[in-house]
Amino acid sequence: MNWDVCSRLVRYTNRSETDSSGSRSDFTSRTTGPTSGCCRGSHQDVVIDTGLGLRSLPEYIDVKGLLGKDPQRKNPLLAIATHAHFDHSGGLHQFQQVGVHSAEVDALANGDNFETVTWLSDREIAEAPSPGWRARHYKVKAVQPTHILQEGDVINLGDRQLTVLHMPGHSRGSICLHDRDNKLLFSGDVVYDGSMIDWLPYSHVSDYISSCERLVGLVDSEQVDQVLPGHYNTFGAKRLHRIASAYISRAGTCPAKFSTFAWSTLAGAALWACNPRSAC
């Protein structure tokens, strides 16, 4: 199976590291991602998550030839955010075609930096995008989605299809994109091999439990072989089953409930302070 995902996965917008082509990409110093992916189809190409948008992602894709170097082969390009959080949606404004789940359309259209949980510090930036730029200046730019996604929608790339799975919990509009034929799951922040966050504005623990139960079902029915997450490294079906099952077991416990409440209170207060007009 030949699946072009930015030479598998290029951690593009939020890290300073050597990418898969051997070149340096200086953006931010976060060690956990996020990851942007390119899916190349015979009639349609897709970018999954766009990072902060501090640099031009379309230019980077073009320069690196991540969707091919033949100037005669120019497919329509759709940028999809797996959810509206700033580290995944910040570059959407750079694209003409933009897709996001219906639950988060208004947040992006209104530039709601409370719901996009915009929170950035100077120490996270490896190289400022311009002289004098500071992290406190950063905001997610408003963008009007052209593709409003719903559960079960199929994005047809020609020779492959991606099915939209609405998986709320981390955020209310979180989605996975499922390549059923190749048993690949682009999971965004729904699941990754790290501590799962359920305490941000519009996070909902009971929804997250339901989404994790659905992930377990995908593994049990042998519909997923590999997960390509929004942070950290890729992993297989067994690891997906363990991560999702562990969250289900832990989420209802008293320590987990207390931790979620405490972090939610702190995060909400901090985001209100940083984005008071967006939060109104």
C-alpha atoms as a PDB file:
ATOM      1  CA  MET A   1       0.000   0.000   0.000  1.00  0.00           C
ATOM      2  CA  ASN A   2       1.407   3.350  -1.057  1.00  0.00           C
ATOM      3  CA  TRP A   3      -0.062   6.108   1.056  1.00  0.00           C
ATOM      4  CA  ASP A   4       1.558   9.525   0.729  1.00  0.00           C
ATOM      5  CA  VAL A   5       1.204  11.285   4.046  1.00  0.00           C
ATOM      6  CA  CYS A   6       3.830  13.987   3.807  1.00  0.00           C
ATOM      7  CA  SER A   7       6.420  11.224   3.409  1.00  0.00           C
ATOM      8  CA  ARG A   8       4.382   9.435   6.075  1.00  0.00           C
ATOM      9  CA  LEU A   9       4.109  12.318   8.594  1.00  0.00           C
ATOM     10  CA  VAL A  10       5.885  15.655   8.520  1.00  0.00           C
ATOM     11  CA  ARG A  11       5.869  17.459  11.837  1.00  0.00           C
ATOM     12  CA  TYR A  12       5.665  20.793  10.122  1.00  0.00           C
ATOM     13  CA  THR A  13       4.235  23.730  11.907  1.00  0.00           C
ATOM     14  CA  ASN A  14       5.182  23.505  15.548  1.00  0.00           C
ATOM     15  CA  ARG A  15       8.624  22.001  15.853  1.00  0.00           C
ATOM     16  CA  SER A  16      12.235  22.747  15.154  1.00  0.00           C
ATOM     17  CA  GLU A  17      13.566  19.486  13.833  1.00  0.00           C
ATOM     18  CA  THR A  18      14.823  17.674  10.781  1.00  0.00           C
ATOM     19  CA  ASP A  19      11.857  16.577   8.719  1.00  0.00           C
ATOM     20  CA  SER A  20      11.643  13.405   6.664  1.00  0.00           C
ATOM     21  CA  SER A  21      13.331  15.058   3.690  1.00  0.00           C
ATOM     22  CA  GLY A  22      16.353  16.035   5.797  1.00  0.00           C
ATOM     23  CA  SER A  23      15.590  19.759   5.928  1.00  0.00           C
ATOM     24  CA  ARG A  24      15.115  21.971   8.944  1.00  0.00           C
ATOM     25  CA  SER A  25      11.709  23.446   9.755  1.00  0.00           C
ATOM     26  CA  ASP A  26      11.970  26.093  12.477  1.00  0.00           C
ATOM     27  CA  PHE A  27       8.626  26.965  13.969  1.00  0.00           C
ATOM     28  CA  THR A  28       8.154  26.215  17.641  1.00  0.00           C
ATOM     29  CA  SER A  29      10.079  24.137  20.113  1.00  0.00           C
ATOM     30  CA  ARG A  30       7.228  21.981  21.382  1.00  0.00           C
ATOM     31  CA  THR A  31       8.372  18.395  21.580  1.00  0.00           C
ATOM     32  CA  THR A  32       4.907  16.922  21.261  1.00  0.00           C
ATOM     33  CA  GLY A  33       3.834  18.061  17.818  1.00  0.00           C
ATOM     34  CA  PRO A  34       1.310  18.811  16.443  1.00  0.00           C
ATOM     35  CA  THR A  35       1.519  16.915  13.178  1.00  0.00           C
ATOM     36  CA  SER A  36       0.212  17.983   9.792  1.00  0.00           C
ATOM     37  CA  GLY A  37      -0.393  15.340   7.149  1.00  0.00           C
ATOM     38  CA  CYS A  38      -0.921  15.392   3.391  1.00  0.00           C
ATOM     39  CA  CYS A  39      -3.070  12.806   1.654  1.00  0.00           C
ATOM     40  CA  ARG A  40      -2.542  12.607  -2.077  1.00  0.00           C
ATOM     41  CA  GLY A  41      -5.377  11.259  -4.194  1.00  0.00           C
ATOM     42  CA  SER A  42      -5.927  10.799  -7.886  1.00  0.00           C
ATOM     43  CA  HIS A  43      -8.459  13.654  -8.088  1.00  0.00           C
ATOM     44  CA  GLN A  44      -8.339  15.444  -4.720  1.00  0.00           C
ATOM     45  CA  ASP A  45      -5.588  16.172  -2.192  1.00  0.00           C
ATOM     46  CA  VAL A  46      -6.128  16.785   1.511  1.00  0.00           C
ATOM     47  CA  VAL A  47      -4.084  18.468   4.238  1.00  0.00           C
ATOM     48  CA  ILE A  48      -5.026  17.252   7.704  1.00  0.00           C
ATOM     49  CA  ASP A  49      -4.443  19.930  10.365  1.00  0.00           C
ATOM     50  CA  THR A  50      -2.489  23.086   9.634  1.00  0.00           C
ATOM     51  CA  GLY A  51      -0.614  23.995  12.805  1.00  0.00           C
ATOM     52  CA  LEU A  52      -0.266  27.549  14.073  1.00  0.00           C
ATOM     53  CA  GLY A  53      -0.051  29.233  10.690  1.00  0.00           C
ATOM     54  CA  LEU A  54       3.113  31.172  11.550  1.00  0.00           C
ATOM     55  CA  ARG A  55       4.609  30.239   8.176  1.00  0.00           C
ATOM     56  CA  SER A  56       3.051  29.421   4.835  1.00  0.00           C
ATOM     57  CA  LEU A  57       2.065  25.761   4.856  1.00  0.00           C
ATOM     58  CA  PRO A  58       1.011  25.796   1.164  1.00  0.00           C
ATOM     59  CA  GLU A  59       4.450  27.124   0.247  1.00  0.00           C
ATOM     60  CA  TYR A  60       6.167  24.488   2.355  1.00  0.00           C
ATOM     61  CA  ILE A  61       4.139  21.710   0.747  1.00  0.00           C
ATOM     62  CA  ASP A  62       4.961  23.056  -2.701  1.00  0.00           C
ATOM     63  CA  VAL A  63       8.695  23.534  -2.045  1.00  0.00           C
ATOM     64  CA  LYS A  64       9.053  20.061  -0.552  1.00  0.00           C
ATOM     65  CA  GLY A  65       6.988  18.479  -3.311  1.00  0.00           C
ATOM     66  CA  LEU A  66       4.877  16.705  -0.727  1.00  0.00           C
ATOM     67  CA  LEU A  67       1.983  16.413  -3.149  1.00  0.00           C
ATOM     68  CA  GLY A  68       4.177  15.761  -6.171  1.00  0.00           C
ATOM     69  CA  LYS A  69       6.428  17.981  -8.254  1.00  0.00           C
ATOM     70  CA  ASP A  70       4.649  17.716 -11.593  1.00  0.00           C
ATOM     71  CA  PRO A  71       3.325  21.223 -12.389  1.00  0.00           C
ATOM     72  CA  GLN A  72       0.737  19.669 -14.704  1.00  0.00           C
ATOM     73  CA  ARG A  73      -0.723  17.645 -11.844  1.00  0.00           C
ATOM     74  CA  LYS A  74      -2.558  20.096  -9.617  1.00  0.00           C
ATOM     75  CA  ASN A  75      -5.459  18.566  -7.776  1.00  0.00           C
ATOM     76  CA  PRO A  76      -7.899  20.620  -5.714  1.00  0.00           C
ATOM     77  CA  LEU A  77      -6.509  20.932  -2.182  1.00  0.00           C
ATOM     78  CA  LEU A  78      -8.763  20.735   0.876  1.00  0.00           C
ATOM     79  CA  ALA A  79      -7.457  21.646   4.344  1.00  0.00           C
ATOM     80  CA  ILE A  80      -9.292  19.843   7.136  1.00  0.00           C
ATOM     81  CA  ALA A  81      -8.969  20.593  10.840  1.00  0.00           C
ATOM     82  CA  THR A  82      -9.605  17.587  13.054  1.00  0.00           C
ATOM     83  CA  HIS A  83     -10.777  20.183  15.583  1.00  0.00           C
ATOM     84  CA  ALA A  84     -10.669  23.942  16.091  1.00  0.00           C
ATOM     85  CA  HIS A  85      -7.861  24.213  18.640  1.00  0.00           C
ATOM     86  CA  PHE A  86      -5.232  26.770  17.672  1.00  0.00           C
ATOM     87  CA  ASP A  87      -2.360  24.346  17.116  1.00  0.00           C
ATOM     88  CA  HIS A  88      -4.427  22.481  14.517  1.00  0.00           C
ATOM     89  CA  SER A  89      -6.479  25.258  12.910  1.00  0.00           C
ATOM     90  CA  GLY A  90      -4.144  28.259  12.936  1.00  0.00           C
ATOM     91  CA  GLY A  91      -3.088  27.801   9.308  1.00  0.00           C
ATOM     92  CA  LEU A  92      -6.536  27.207   7.822  1.00  0.00           C
ATOM     93  CA  HIS A  93      -6.774  30.788   6.567  1.00  0.00           C
ATOM     94  CA  GLN A  94      -3.958  30.022   4.112  1.00  0.00           C
ATOM     95  CA  PHE A  95      -6.190  27.666   2.100  1.00  0.00           C
ATOM     96  CA  GLN A  96      -9.113  28.336  -0.228  1.00  0.00           C
ATOM     97  CA  GLN A  97     -10.975  25.152   0.707  1.00  0.00           C
ATOM     98  CA  VAL A  98     -11.401  24.498   4.415  1.00  0.00           C
ATOM     99  CA  GLY A  99     -13.279  21.744   6.232  1.00  0.00           C
ATOM    100  CA  VAL A 100     -14.257  21.392   9.896  1.00  0.00           C
ATOM    101  CA  HIS A 101     -17.046  19.696  11.834  1.00  0.00           C
ATOM    102  CA  SER A 102     -20.292  21.657  12.031  1.00  0.00           C
ATOM    103  CA  ALA A 103     -20.019  22.022  15.829  1.00  0.00           C
ATOM    104  CA  GLU A 104     -16.950  24.249  15.453  1.00  0.00           C
ATOM    105  CA  VAL A 105     -17.785  26.251  12.327  1.00  0.00           C
ATOM    106  CA  ASP A 106     -18.810  29.329  14.322  1.00  0.00           C
ATOM    107  CA  ALA A 107     -15.638  29.279  16.435  1.00  0.00           C
ATOM    108  CA  LEU A 108     -13.496  29.487  13.304  1.00  0.00           C
ATOM    109  CA  ALA A 109     -15.735  31.896  11.408  1.00  0.00           C
ATOM    110  CA  ASN A 110     -15.781  34.285  14.379  1.00  0.00           C
ATOM    111  CA  GLY A 111     -12.102  33.935  15.277  1.00  0.00           C
ATOM    112  CA  ASP A 112     -13.117  32.770  18.750  1.00  0.00           C
ATOM    113  CA  ASN A 113      -9.757  32.396  20.476  1.00  0.00           C
ATOM    114  CA  PHE A 114     -11.439  31.162  23.647  1.00  0.00           C
ATOM    115  CA  GLU A 115     -12.863  28.084  21.964  1.00  0.00           C
ATOM    116  CA  THR A 116      -9.688  27.596  19.912  1.00  0.00           C
ATOM    117  CA  VAL A 117      -7.893  27.599  23.314  1.00  0.00           C
ATOM    118  CA  THR A 118      -5.221  29.977  22.040  1.00  0.00           C
ATOM    119  CA  TRP A 119      -2.413  29.842  24.566  1.00  0.00           C
ATOM    120  CA  LEU A 120       1.165  30.377  23.478  1.00  0.00           C
ATOM    121  CA  SER A 121       4.365  31.553  25.158  1.00  0.00           C
ATOM    122  CA  ASP A 122       7.591  32.967  23.744  1.00  0.00           C
ATOM    123  CA  ARG A 123       9.638  30.028  25.016  1.00  0.00           C
ATOM    124  CA  GLU A 124       7.663  27.715  22.749  1.00  0.00           C
ATOM    125  CA  ILE A 125       8.722  29.602  19.630  1.00  0.00           C
ATOM    126  CA  ALA A 126      11.949  28.392  18.046  1.00  0.00           C
ATOM    127  CA  GLU A 127      12.086  31.274  15.571  1.00  0.00           C
ATOM    128  CA  ALA A 128       9.799  34.296  15.486  1.00  0.00           C
ATOM    129  CA  PRO A 129       7.994  34.780  12.165  1.00  0.00           C
ATOM    130  CA  SER A 130       9.025  38.442  12.056  1.00  0.00           C
ATOM    131  CA  PRO A 131      11.241  40.868  14.010  1.00  0.00           C
ATOM    132  CA  GLY A 132       9.616  41.999  17.224  1.00  0.00           C
ATOM    133  CA  TRP A 133       6.911  39.350  17.100  1.00  0.00           C
ATOM    134  CA  ARG A 134       5.794  38.010  20.485  1.00  0.00           C
ATOM    135  CA  ALA A 135       3.594  35.066  21.363  1.00  0.00           C
ATOM    136  CA  ARG A 136       1.102  37.372  23.067  1.00  0.00           C
ATOM    137  CA  HIS A 137       0.384  38.832  19.623  1.00  0.00           C
ATOM    138  CA  TYR A 138      -0.729  35.474  18.263  1.00  0.00           C
ATOM    139  CA  LYS A 139      -4.387  34.850  17.496  1.00  0.00           C
ATOM    140  CA  VAL A 140      -6.133  32.334  15.282  1.00  0.00           C
ATOM    141  CA  LYS A 141      -7.373  34.218  12.243  1.00  0.00           C
ATOM    142  CA  ALA A 142     -11.046  33.938  11.394  1.00  0.00           C
ATOM    143  CA  VAL A 143     -11.814  31.690   8.448  1.00  0.00           C
ATOM    144  CA  GLN A 144     -15.118  30.690   6.874  1.00  0.00           C
ATOM    145  CA  PRO A 145     -15.189  26.915   6.302  1.00  0.00           C
ATOM    146  CA  THR A 146     -16.237  25.879   2.819  1.00  0.00           C
ATOM    147  CA  HIS A 147     -16.869  22.256   3.804  1.00  0.00           C
ATOM    148  CA  ILE A 148     -19.042  21.702   6.888  1.00  0.00           C
ATOM    149  CA  LEU A 149     -18.409  18.138   7.960  1.00  0.00           C
ATOM    150  CA  GLN A 150     -20.776  15.714   9.642  1.00  0.00           C
ATOM    151  CA  GLU A 151     -20.604  12.147  10.926  1.00  0.00           C
ATOM    152  CA  GLY A 152     -20.430   9.708   8.034  1.00  0.00           C
ATOM    153  CA  ASP A 153     -19.394  12.199   5.359  1.00  0.00           C
ATOM    154  CA  VAL A 154     -17.015  10.698   2.805  1.00  0.00           C
ATOM    155  CA  ILE A 155     -14.193  12.778   1.366  1.00  0.00           C
ATOM    156  CA  ASN A 156     -13.507  11.297  -2.040  1.00  0.00           C
ATOM    157  CA  LEU A 157      -9.913  11.661  -3.198  1.00  0.00           C
ATOM    158  CA  GLY A 158     -10.575   9.587  -6.306  1.00  0.00           C
ATOM    159  CA  ASP A 159      -8.597   6.442  -5.603  1.00  0.00           C
ATOM    160  CA  ARG A 160      -9.173   6.557  -1.850  1.00  0.00           C
ATOM    161  CA  GLN A 161     -11.807   7.791   0.557  1.00  0.00           C
ATOM    162  CA  LEU A 162     -11.733   9.275   4.027  1.00  0.00           C
ATOM    163  CA  THR A 163     -14.811   8.843   6.223  1.00  0.00           C
ATOM    164  CA  VAL A 164     -15.581  11.452   8.870  1.00  0.00           C
ATOM    165  CA  LEU A 165     -16.096  10.022  12.370  1.00  0.00           C
ATOM    166  CA  HIS A 166     -17.412  12.556  14.885  1.00  0.00           C
ATOM    167  CA  MET A 167     -15.590  11.799  18.134  1.00  0.00           C
ATOM    168  CA  PRO A 168     -16.365  14.552  20.677  1.00  0.00           C
ATOM    169  CA  GLY A 169     -14.797  14.737  24.106  1.00  0.00           C
ATOM    170  CA  HIS A 170     -11.497  16.536  23.682  1.00  0.00           C
ATOM    171  CA  SER A 171     -13.528  19.222  21.938  1.00  0.00           C
ATOM    172  CA  ARG A 172     -17.127  19.267  20.787  1.00  0.00           C
ATOM    173  CA  GLY A 173     -16.220  19.113  17.096  1.00  0.00           C
ATOM    174  CA  SER A 174     -13.345  16.631  17.220  1.00  0.00           C
ATOM    175  CA  ILE A 175     -13.225  14.195  14.324  1.00  0.00           C
ATOM    176  CA  CYS A 176     -11.188  11.263  13.100  1.00  0.00           C
ATOM    177  CA  LEU A 177     -10.712  10.554   9.406  1.00  0.00           C
ATOM    178  CA  HIS A 178     -10.897   6.860   8.597  1.00  0.00           C
ATOM    179  CA  ASP A 179      -9.413   5.272   5.507  1.00  0.00           C
ATOM    180  CA  ARG A 180     -11.414   2.069   5.706  1.00  0.00           C
ATOM    181  CA  ASP A 181      -9.768   0.334   2.754  1.00  0.00           C
ATOM    182  CA  ASN A 182      -6.280   0.726   4.197  1.00  0.00           C
ATOM    183  CA  LYS A 183      -7.389   0.577   7.851  1.00  0.00           C
ATOM    184  CA  LEU A 184      -5.749   3.904   8.701  1.00  0.00           C
ATOM    185  CA  LEU A 185      -7.137   6.302  11.292  1.00  0.00           C
ATOM    186  CA  PHE A 186      -6.141   9.985  11.337  1.00  0.00           C
ATOM    187  CA  SER A 187      -7.104  10.665  14.926  1.00  0.00           C
ATOM    188  CA  GLY A 188      -6.218  14.303  15.581  1.00  0.00           C
ATOM    189  CA  ASP A 189      -6.385  14.829  19.348  1.00  0.00           C
ATOM    190  CA  VAL A 190      -9.122  12.264  19.924  1.00  0.00           C
ATOM    191  CA  VAL A 191      -6.412   9.759  20.779  1.00  0.00           C
ATOM    192  CA  TYR A 192      -2.630   9.800  20.819  1.00  0.00           C
ATOM    193  CA  ASP A 193       0.082   8.036  22.790  1.00  0.00           C
ATOM    194  CA  GLY A 194       0.151  10.505  25.650  1.00  0.00           C
ATOM    195  CA  SER A 195      -2.031  12.010  28.359  1.00  0.00           C
ATOM    196  CA  MET A 196      -5.473  12.668  26.873  1.00  0.00           C
ATOM    197  CA  ILE A 197      -6.886  16.114  27.637  1.00  0.00           C
ATOM    198  CA  ASP A 198     -10.513  16.352  28.747  1.00  0.00           C
ATOM    199  CA  TRP A 199     -10.440  19.592  30.722  1.00  0.00           C
ATOM    200  CA  LEU A 200     -10.459  22.356  28.108  1.00  0.00           C
ATOM    201  CA  PRO A 201     -13.459  24.570  27.268  1.00  0.00           C
ATOM    202  CA  TYR A 202     -16.049  22.425  25.497  1.00  0.00           C
ATOM    203  CA  SER A 203     -14.342  19.196  26.551  1.00  0.00           C
ATOM    204  CA  HIS A 204     -16.851  16.671  27.890  1.00  0.00           C
ATOM    205  CA  VAL A 205     -15.843  13.532  29.765  1.00  0.00           C
ATOM    206  CA  SER A 206     -18.974  11.489  29.047  1.00  0.00           C
ATOM    207  CA  ASP A 207     -18.617  12.237  25.327  1.00  0.00           C
ATOM    208  CA  TYR A 208     -14.957  11.260  25.520  1.00  0.00           C
ATOM    209  CA  ILE A 209     -15.851   7.936  27.115  1.00  0.00           C
ATOM    210  CA  SER A 210     -18.334   7.244  24.322  1.00  0.00           C
ATOM    211  CA  SER A 211     -15.729   8.131  21.700  1.00  0.00           C
ATOM    212  CA  CYS A 212     -13.188   5.810  23.338  1.00  0.00           C
ATOM    213  CA  GLU A 213     -15.757   3.021  23.395  1.00  0.00           C
ATOM    214  CA  ARG A 214     -16.185   3.582  19.692  1.00  0.00           C
ATOM    215  CA  LEU A 215     -12.415   3.388  19.176  1.00  0.00           C
ATOM    216  CA  VAL A 216     -12.335   0.068  21.011  1.00  0.00           C
ATOM    217  CA  GLY A 217     -15.097  -1.126  18.704  1.00  0.00           C
ATOM    218  CA  LEU A 218     -13.075  -0.169  15.632  1.00  0.00           C
ATOM    219  CA  VAL A 219     -10.224  -2.329  16.884  1.00  0.00           C
ATOM    220  CA  ASP A 220     -12.463  -5.234  17.878  1.00  0.00           C
ATOM    221  CA  SER A 221     -14.034  -5.218  14.407  1.00  0.00           C
ATOM    222  CA  GLU A 222     -10.559  -5.074  12.805  1.00  0.00           C
ATOM    223  CA  GLN A 223     -11.213  -1.788  11.036  1.00  0.00           C
ATOM    224  CA  VAL A 224      -7.965  -0.098  12.149  1.00  0.00           C
ATOM    225  CA  ASP A 225      -4.380  -1.279  11.754  1.00  0.00           C
ATOM    226  CA  GLN A 226      -2.532   2.007  12.237  1.00  0.00           C
ATOM    227  CA  VAL A 227      -3.277   5.315  13.951  1.00  0.00           C
ATOM    228  CA  LEU A 228      -1.759   8.581  12.725  1.00  0.00           C
ATOM    229  CA  PRO A 229      -2.380  10.984  15.627  1.00  0.00           C
ATOM    230  CA  GLY A 230      -2.176  14.748  15.987  1.00  0.00           C
ATOM    231  CA  HIS A 231       0.717  14.483  18.463  1.00  0.00           C
ATOM    232  CA  TYR A 232       3.504  12.022  19.191  1.00  0.00           C
ATOM    233  CA  ASN A 233       4.225   8.957  17.079  1.00  0.00           C
ATOM    234  CA  THR A 234       2.047   6.572  15.117  1.00  0.00           C
ATOM    235  CA  PHE A 235       0.909   3.324  16.751  1.00  0.00           C
ATOM    236  CA  GLY A 236      -1.028   0.179  15.999  1.00  0.00           C
ATOM    237  CA  ALA A 237      -4.376  -1.346  16.827  1.00  0.00           C
ATOM    238  CA  LYS A 238      -3.319  -3.045  20.064  1.00  0.00           C
ATOM    239  CA  ARG A 239      -1.939   0.185  21.467  1.00  0.00           C
ATOM    240  CA  LEU A 240      -5.117   2.018  20.414  1.00  0.00           C
ATOM    241  CA  HIS A 241      -7.204  -0.540  22.279  1.00  0.00           C
ATOM    242  CA  ARG A 242      -5.078  -0.141  25.431  1.00  0.00           C
ATOM    243  CA  ILE A 243      -5.130   3.671  25.371  1.00  0.00           C
ATOM    244  CA  ALA A 244      -8.878   3.911  24.805  1.00  0.00           C
ATOM    245  CA  SER A 245      -9.682   1.199  27.352  1.00  0.00           C
ATOM    246  CA  ALA A 246      -7.459   2.845  29.959  1.00  0.00           C
ATOM    247  CA  TYR A 247      -9.255   6.156  29.549  1.00  0.00           C
ATOM    248  CA  ILE A 248     -12.660   4.494  29.914  1.00  0.00           C
ATOM    249  CA  SER A 249     -11.524   2.773  33.120  1.00  0.00           C
ATOM    250  CA  ARG A 250      -9.924   5.882  34.604  1.00  0.00           C
ATOM    251  CA  ALA A 251     -12.335   8.654  33.625  1.00  0.00           C
ATOM    252  CA  GLY A 252     -15.067   7.771  36.100  1.00  0.00           C
ATOM    253  CA  THR A 253     -12.817   7.521  39.148  1.00  0.00           C
ATOM    254  CA  CYS A 254     -12.778  10.138  41.887  1.00  0.00           C
ATOM    255  CA  PRO A 255      -9.118  11.166  41.341  1.00  0.00           C
ATOM    256  CA  ALA A 256      -9.767  11.622  37.623  1.00  0.00           C
ATOM    257  CA  LYS A 257     -12.910  13.667  38.243  1.00  0.00           C
ATOM    258  CA  PHE A 258     -11.076  15.908  40.715  1.00  0.00           C
ATOM    259  CA  SER A 259      -8.129  16.371  38.356  1.00  0.00           C
ATOM    260  CA  THR A 260     -10.397  17.216  35.428  1.00  0.00           C
ATOM    261  CA  PHE A 261     -12.354  19.732  37.527  1.00  0.00           C
ATOM    262  CA  ALA A 262      -9.194  21.420  38.808  1.00  0.00           C
ATOM    263  CA  TRP A 263      -7.530  21.665  35.405  1.00  0.00           C
ATOM    264  CA  SER A 264     -10.768  22.798  33.777  1.00  0.00           C
ATOM    265  CA  THR A 265     -11.156  25.618  36.287  1.00  0.00           C
ATOM    266  CA  LEU A 266      -7.582  26.801  35.801  1.00  0.00           C
ATOM    267  CA  ALA A 267      -7.682  26.512  32.010  1.00  0.00           C
ATOM    268  CA  GLY A 268     -10.991  28.345  31.754  1.00  0.00           C
ATOM    269  CA  ALA A 269      -9.790  31.225  33.929  1.00  0.00           C
ATOM    270  CA  ALA A 270      -6.520  31.551  32.013  1.00  0.00           C
ATOM    271  CA  LEU A 271      -8.229  31.520  28.632  1.00  0.00           C
ATOM    272  CA  TRP A 272     -10.853  34.049  29.738  1.00  0.00           C
ATOM    273  CA  ALA A 273      -8.039  36.350  30.867  1.00  0.00           C
ATOM    274  CA  CYS A 274      -6.148  36.007  27.585  1.00  0.00           C
ATOM    275  CA  ASN A 275      -9.163  36.095  25.289  1.00  0.00           C
ATOM    276  CA  PRO A 276     -11.887  38.093  27.072  1.00  0.00           C
ATOM    277  CA  ARG A 277     -13.666  39.393  23.978  1.00  0.00           C
ATOM    278  CA  SER A 278     -13.610  35.985  22.255  1.00  0.00           C
ATOM    279  CA  ALA A 279     -15.128  34.359  25.317  1.00  0.00           C
ATOM    280  CA  CYS A 280     -18.160  36.657  25.444  1.00  0.00           C
END
